[in-house]
Protein backbone atom coordinates (compact mmCIF):
# COMPACT_ATOMS: atom_id res chain seq x y z
CA UNK A 1 -0.39 0.17 -0.12
CA UNK A 2 1.30 3.15 -1.23
CA UNK A 3 1.00 6.59 1.00
CA UNK A 4 1.94 10.21 -0.27
CA UNK A 5 1.93 13.12 2.19
CA UNK A 6 2.52 16.92 1.83
CA UNK A 7 3.40 18.80 5.07
CA UNK A 8 1.14 16.85 6.70
CA UNK A 9 -1.61 16.54 4.47
CA UNK A 10 -2.54 13.85 2.09
CA UNK A 11 -1.23 14.76 -1.69
CA UNK A 12 -3.83 16.24 -3.79
CA UNK A 13 -3.66 15.93 -7.88
CA UNK A 14 -1.89 19.51 -8.14
CA UNK A 15 0.67 19.07 -5.95
CA UNK A 16 1.21 15.32 -7.68
CA UNK A 17 1.09 17.90 -11.55
CA UNK A 18 3.69 20.39 -10.34
CA UNK A 19 5.99 17.48 -9.56
CA UNK A 20 5.41 15.43 -12.55
CA UNK A 21 6.17 18.54 -14.90
CA UNK A 22 8.99 19.66 -12.85
CA UNK A 23 11.84 17.48 -11.43
CA UNK A 24 13.75 20.28 -9.57
CA UNK A 25 14.22 19.13 -6.15
CA UNK A 26 15.95 16.44 -3.40
CA UNK A 27 15.06 13.36 -1.64
CA UNK A 28 16.03 10.56 0.46
CA UNK A 29 15.16 6.95 0.69
CA UNK A 30 15.22 4.76 3.36
CA UNK A 31 14.29 1.22 5.04
CA UNK A 32 12.18 1.69 8.20
CA UNK A 33 12.61 -1.02 10.60
CA UNK A 34 10.55 -1.85 13.93
CA UNK A 35 9.73 2.48 13.51
CA UNK A 36 13.12 2.63 13.09
CA UNK A 37 16.27 4.01 10.47
CA UNK A 38 19.92 3.14 10.41
CA UNK A 39 21.82 6.47 9.62
CA UNK A 40 18.27 8.36 9.93
CA UNK A 41 20.58 11.39 11.12
CA UNK A 42 22.88 11.14 8.03
CA UNK A 43 19.32 11.15 5.52
CA UNK A 44 18.00 14.58 7.35
CA UNK A 45 21.23 16.09 7.37
CA UNK A 46 21.36 15.24 3.48
CA UNK A 47 17.51 16.86 3.13
CA UNK A 48 18.96 20.26 5.26
CA UNK A 49 21.89 21.03 3.17
CA UNK A 50 20.05 20.25 -0.04
CA UNK A 51 17.13 22.46 0.75
CA UNK A 52 19.60 25.03 2.15
CA UNK A 53 21.34 24.59 -1.35
CA UNK A 54 18.49 24.30 -3.95
CA UNK A 55 15.89 26.82 -2.00
CA UNK A 56 17.39 28.65 0.24
CA UNK A 57 16.07 27.47 3.69
CA UNK A 58 15.62 24.04 5.96
CA UNK A 59 12.56 22.41 7.15
CA UNK A 60 13.21 22.07 10.87
CA UNK A 61 14.51 18.64 11.87
CA UNK A 62 11.64 18.57 14.81
CA UNK A 63 8.84 19.05 11.73
CA UNK A 64 10.14 16.55 9.24
CA UNK A 65 10.33 14.04 11.80
CA UNK A 66 6.72 15.20 12.92
CA UNK A 67 5.70 14.70 9.18
CA UNK A 68 7.36 11.43 8.66
CA UNK A 69 6.07 9.66 11.56
CA UNK A 70 2.57 10.88 10.72
CA UNK A 71 2.54 9.27 7.62
CA UNK A 72 3.67 6.13 8.57
CA UNK A 73 1.06 5.94 10.91
CA UNK A 74 0.51 2.29 12.77
CA UNK A 75 3.13 0.67 10.42
CA UNK A 76 6.60 -0.99 11.81
CA UNK A 77 8.11 -1.38 8.66
CA UNK A 78 7.91 0.25 5.54
CA UNK A 79 9.67 1.98 2.47
CA UNK A 80 10.13 5.72 2.75
CA UNK A 81 10.91 8.53 0.52
CA UNK A 82 11.02 11.64 1.38
CA UNK A 83 11.34 14.15 -1.25
CA UNK A 84 11.84 18.56 -1.08
CA UNK A 85 9.80 20.51 -4.17
CA UNK A 86 8.29 24.19 -4.24
CA UNK A 87 5.52 24.37 -6.34
CA UNK A 88 6.67 28.56 -6.85
CA UNK A 89 9.59 27.11 -8.64
CA UNK A 90 9.43 26.35 -12.75
CA UNK A 91 11.60 27.16 -15.85
CA UNK A 92 9.73 30.32 -15.92
CA UNK A 93 10.19 31.41 -12.21
CA UNK A 94 13.33 30.11 -11.11
CA UNK A 95 14.14 32.72 -8.60
CA UNK A 96 11.49 31.39 -5.65
CA UNK A 97 13.72 31.68 -2.16
CA UNK A 98 11.89 30.15 1.19
CA UNK A 99 11.09 26.86 2.97
CA UNK A 100 10.26 24.13 0.04
CA UNK A 101 7.47 21.68 0.96
CA UNK A 102 7.85 18.15 1.80
CA UNK A 103 6.13 15.15 0.18
CA UNK A 104 6.77 12.02 2.68
CA UNK A 105 5.44 8.43 0.56
CA UNK A 106 5.50 5.32 2.46
CA UNK A 107 5.58 2.47 0.47
CA UNK A 108 6.14 -1.67 1.23
CA UNK A 109 9.41 -2.44 1.64
CA UNK A 110 11.74 -2.61 -1.02
CA UNK A 111 13.11 -5.90 -2.13
CA UNK A 112 17.32 -5.59 -2.18
CA UNK A 113 19.16 -5.28 -5.41
CA UNK A 114 20.07 -9.19 -5.79
CA UNK A 115 21.21 -11.77 -4.30
CA UNK A 116 23.10 -12.94 -7.54
CA UNK A 117 26.81 -11.21 -7.73
CA UNK A 118 26.03 -8.08 -10.66
CA UNK A 119 28.26 -6.85 -13.61
CA UNK A 120 28.36 -3.24 -14.48
CA UNK A 121 29.29 -1.58 -17.94
CA UNK A 122 31.71 1.10 -17.54
CA UNK A 123 29.81 4.04 -18.91
CA UNK A 124 31.38 7.99 -19.35
CA UNK A 125 29.09 9.69 -17.75
CA UNK A 126 28.48 11.58 -14.53
CA UNK A 127 25.09 12.84 -12.94
CA UNK A 128 24.79 16.51 -12.46
CA UNK A 129 24.93 18.06 -9.08
CA UNK A 130 26.19 14.57 -8.32
CA UNK A 131 26.91 15.36 -4.51
CA UNK A 132 22.52 15.94 -4.32
CA UNK A 133 20.82 13.25 -4.29
CA UNK A 134 18.26 15.17 -6.75
CA UNK A 135 15.14 14.77 -8.85
CA UNK A 136 16.85 14.49 -12.10
CA UNK A 137 17.07 10.91 -12.74
CA UNK A 138 16.55 10.61 -16.58
CA UNK A 139 19.85 10.08 -17.10
CA UNK A 140 20.86 7.21 -14.64
CA UNK A 141 17.84 5.59 -15.85
CA UNK A 142 19.25 6.22 -19.53
CA UNK A 143 22.50 4.23 -18.41
CA UNK A 144 20.93 1.81 -16.36
CA UNK A 145 18.55 1.24 -19.47
CA UNK A 146 21.55 1.29 -21.93
CA UNK A 147 23.93 -1.39 -19.53
CA UNK A 148 20.82 -3.94 -19.17
CA UNK A 149 20.38 -3.72 -22.97
CA UNK A 150 24.18 -4.67 -23.45
CA UNK A 151 23.64 -7.64 -21.24
CA UNK A 152 24.94 -5.97 -17.84
CA UNK A 153 23.12 -5.33 -15.11
CA UNK A 154 23.75 -1.92 -14.50
CA UNK A 155 26.47 1.00 -15.51
CA UNK A 156 29.78 2.29 -13.66
CA UNK A 157 30.13 6.11 -13.93
CA UNK A 158 33.24 7.16 -15.35
CA UNK A 159 34.18 10.76 -15.41
CA UNK A 160 35.62 12.47 -18.09
CA UNK A 161 39.44 12.28 -16.30
CA UNK A 162 38.77 8.44 -16.28
CA UNK A 163 38.09 8.09 -12.43
CA UNK A 164 34.91 5.77 -11.07
CA UNK A 165 32.88 7.45 -8.99
CA UNK A 166 29.20 5.33 -8.87
CA UNK A 167 27.16 3.00 -10.30
CA UNK A 168 23.57 4.10 -11.10
CA UNK A 169 21.67 3.89 -7.57
CA UNK A 170 24.46 2.65 -5.76
CA UNK A 171 27.81 3.36 -4.39
CA UNK A 172 30.78 0.71 -5.10
CA UNK A 173 33.53 -0.15 -3.11
CA UNK A 174 37.02 -2.01 -3.46
CA UNK A 175 38.28 -5.02 -1.58
CA UNK A 176 41.83 -4.93 -0.91
CA UNK A 177 42.40 -7.13 1.53
CA UNK A 178 40.51 -6.42 4.85
CA UNK A 179 40.25 -3.02 3.46
CA UNK A 180 37.74 -1.41 1.86
CA UNK A 181 38.64 1.34 -1.02
CA UNK A 182 36.09 4.24 -2.20
CA UNK A 183 36.30 5.56 -5.33
CA UNK A 184 36.98 9.83 -4.74
CA UNK A 185 35.29 11.75 -7.97
CA UNK A 186 32.44 14.17 -7.87
CA UNK A 187 29.92 11.68 -6.10
CA UNK A 188 26.79 11.19 -3.80
CA UNK A 189 28.06 10.48 -0.94
CA UNK A 190 25.61 7.41 0.21
CA UNK A 191 24.18 6.80 4.03
CA UNK A 192 25.36 3.11 3.61
CA UNK A 193 28.49 3.95 2.72
CA UNK A 194 28.81 5.94 5.68
CA UNK A 195 27.60 3.18 8.08
CA UNK A 196 29.51 0.98 6.71
CA UNK A 197 32.89 2.83 6.72
CA UNK A 198 31.74 3.65 10.63
CA UNK A 199 32.66 -0.36 11.34
CA UNK A 200 34.88 -1.25 8.53
CA UNK A 201 38.67 -0.07 7.77
CA UNK A 202 38.60 2.06 4.64
CA UNK A 203 40.25 4.52 2.49
CA UNK A 204 39.09 6.79 -0.31
CA UNK A 205 41.33 7.74 -2.81
CA UNK A 206 41.34 8.27 -7.37
CA UNK A 207 40.63 5.07 -9.37
CA UNK A 208 40.39 4.08 -12.84
CA UNK A 209 39.28 1.17 -14.90
CA UNK A 210 43.55 0.43 -14.54
CA UNK A 211 43.58 0.07 -11.00
CA UNK A 212 40.81 -3.04 -11.14
CA UNK A 213 43.45 -5.46 -11.14
CA UNK A 214 44.87 -4.32 -8.13
CA UNK A 215 41.47 -5.86 -5.97
CA UNK A 216 40.41 -8.87 -4.56
CA UNK A 217 36.59 -7.48 -5.68
CA UNK A 218 33.97 -4.73 -5.57
CA UNK A 219 30.35 -4.66 -4.68
CA UNK A 220 27.40 -2.11 -4.52
CA UNK A 221 25.76 -0.49 -1.45
CA UNK A 222 22.60 1.60 -1.27
CA UNK A 223 20.25 1.80 1.57
CA UNK A 224 18.07 -0.62 0.33
CA UNK A 225 20.96 -3.39 -0.15
CA UNK A 226 23.96 -3.04 2.45
CA UNK A 227 26.22 -5.01 -0.37
CA UNK A 228 25.30 -6.66 -3.42
CA UNK A 229 28.76 -8.54 -4.97
CA UNK A 230 29.86 -7.32 -8.19
CA UNK A 231 31.01 -10.11 -10.54
CA UNK A 232 32.53 -8.12 -13.30
CA UNK A 233 33.00 -4.67 -14.43
CA UNK A 234 33.26 -4.35 -18.54
CA UNK A 235 35.40 -7.06 -19.44
CA UNK A 236 37.22 -7.46 -15.88
CA UNK A 237 35.89 -10.66 -13.82
CA UNK A 238 36.29 -10.71 -10.35
CA UNK A 239 36.02 -12.84 -7.50
CA UNK A 240 32.94 -12.71 -5.27
CA UNK A 241 32.88 -13.88 -1.79
CA UNK A 242 29.84 -14.08 0.56
CA UNK A 243 31.93 -14.01 3.53
CA UNK A 244 33.19 -10.89 2.85
CA UNK A 245 29.96 -9.49 1.48
CA UNK A 246 28.04 -11.02 5.11
CA UNK A 247 30.56 -9.13 6.43
CA UNK A 248 30.02 -5.53 5.14
CA UNK A 249 26.52 -6.23 5.46
CA UNK A 250 27.10 -7.19 9.35
CA UNK A 251 29.13 -3.72 9.51
CA UNK A 252 25.95 -1.88 8.12
CA UNK A 253 23.35 -3.78 10.28
CA UNK A 254 25.88 -3.16 13.74
CA UNK A 255 24.20 0.87 13.12
CA UNK A 256 21.52 0.95 15.44
CA UNK A 257 18.11 2.16 14.04
CA UNK A 258 17.72 5.51 15.28
CA UNK A 259 13.81 6.19 16.09
CA UNK A 260 12.11 8.09 13.27
């Protein structure tokens, strides 16, 4: 069952029409488990920072939490997406500044990416304003479609200077012994990525396709899937280790859910 609320009230057709026509905004999404969210403070910080950058003002955290609880209702488990938008902003009216409206969507729990290791197609691409989890998803969906059409599971973005950044809806980490190496490039800093980094030995440095042979393996991570093994990138195969994937997922689960 899906529920959509805007500023604490059921969404109207007019509310949704603006979002269907104008994709200026930002969002974050996550699993709610037993009424709590792993990394909720980081999700709220993401929304705050995006609101200030895109609209000039943030929604107060206590108000955001109240609207999230109201949308969740009696549910203890769900998938939640919290979006920021402003009906005052459009192609002809880009100048408005103020507190954005907040849409909270509550959905059935999301399925994980895959239990099967995935293959990634390198693509020369970088998301616009990659540090933001923004509503302009055309490019990443197109990249993923192109990867699927070519027989891969997903795309891996490589920027104009050859640096690996991220997959379409996931961060990528590389395994070097007991250490995780995150790529350094313009990209979205993931909440799951941060939770994993808090529990395991990690480092961040620029990586290119030429660096792939130096690693023992790779994995994807996002809020729906703590860790999914990568079986190959382009024509470079990776060994997959269920134990390492389980250890990464365990580090993610070690972060206690924070009450909404």
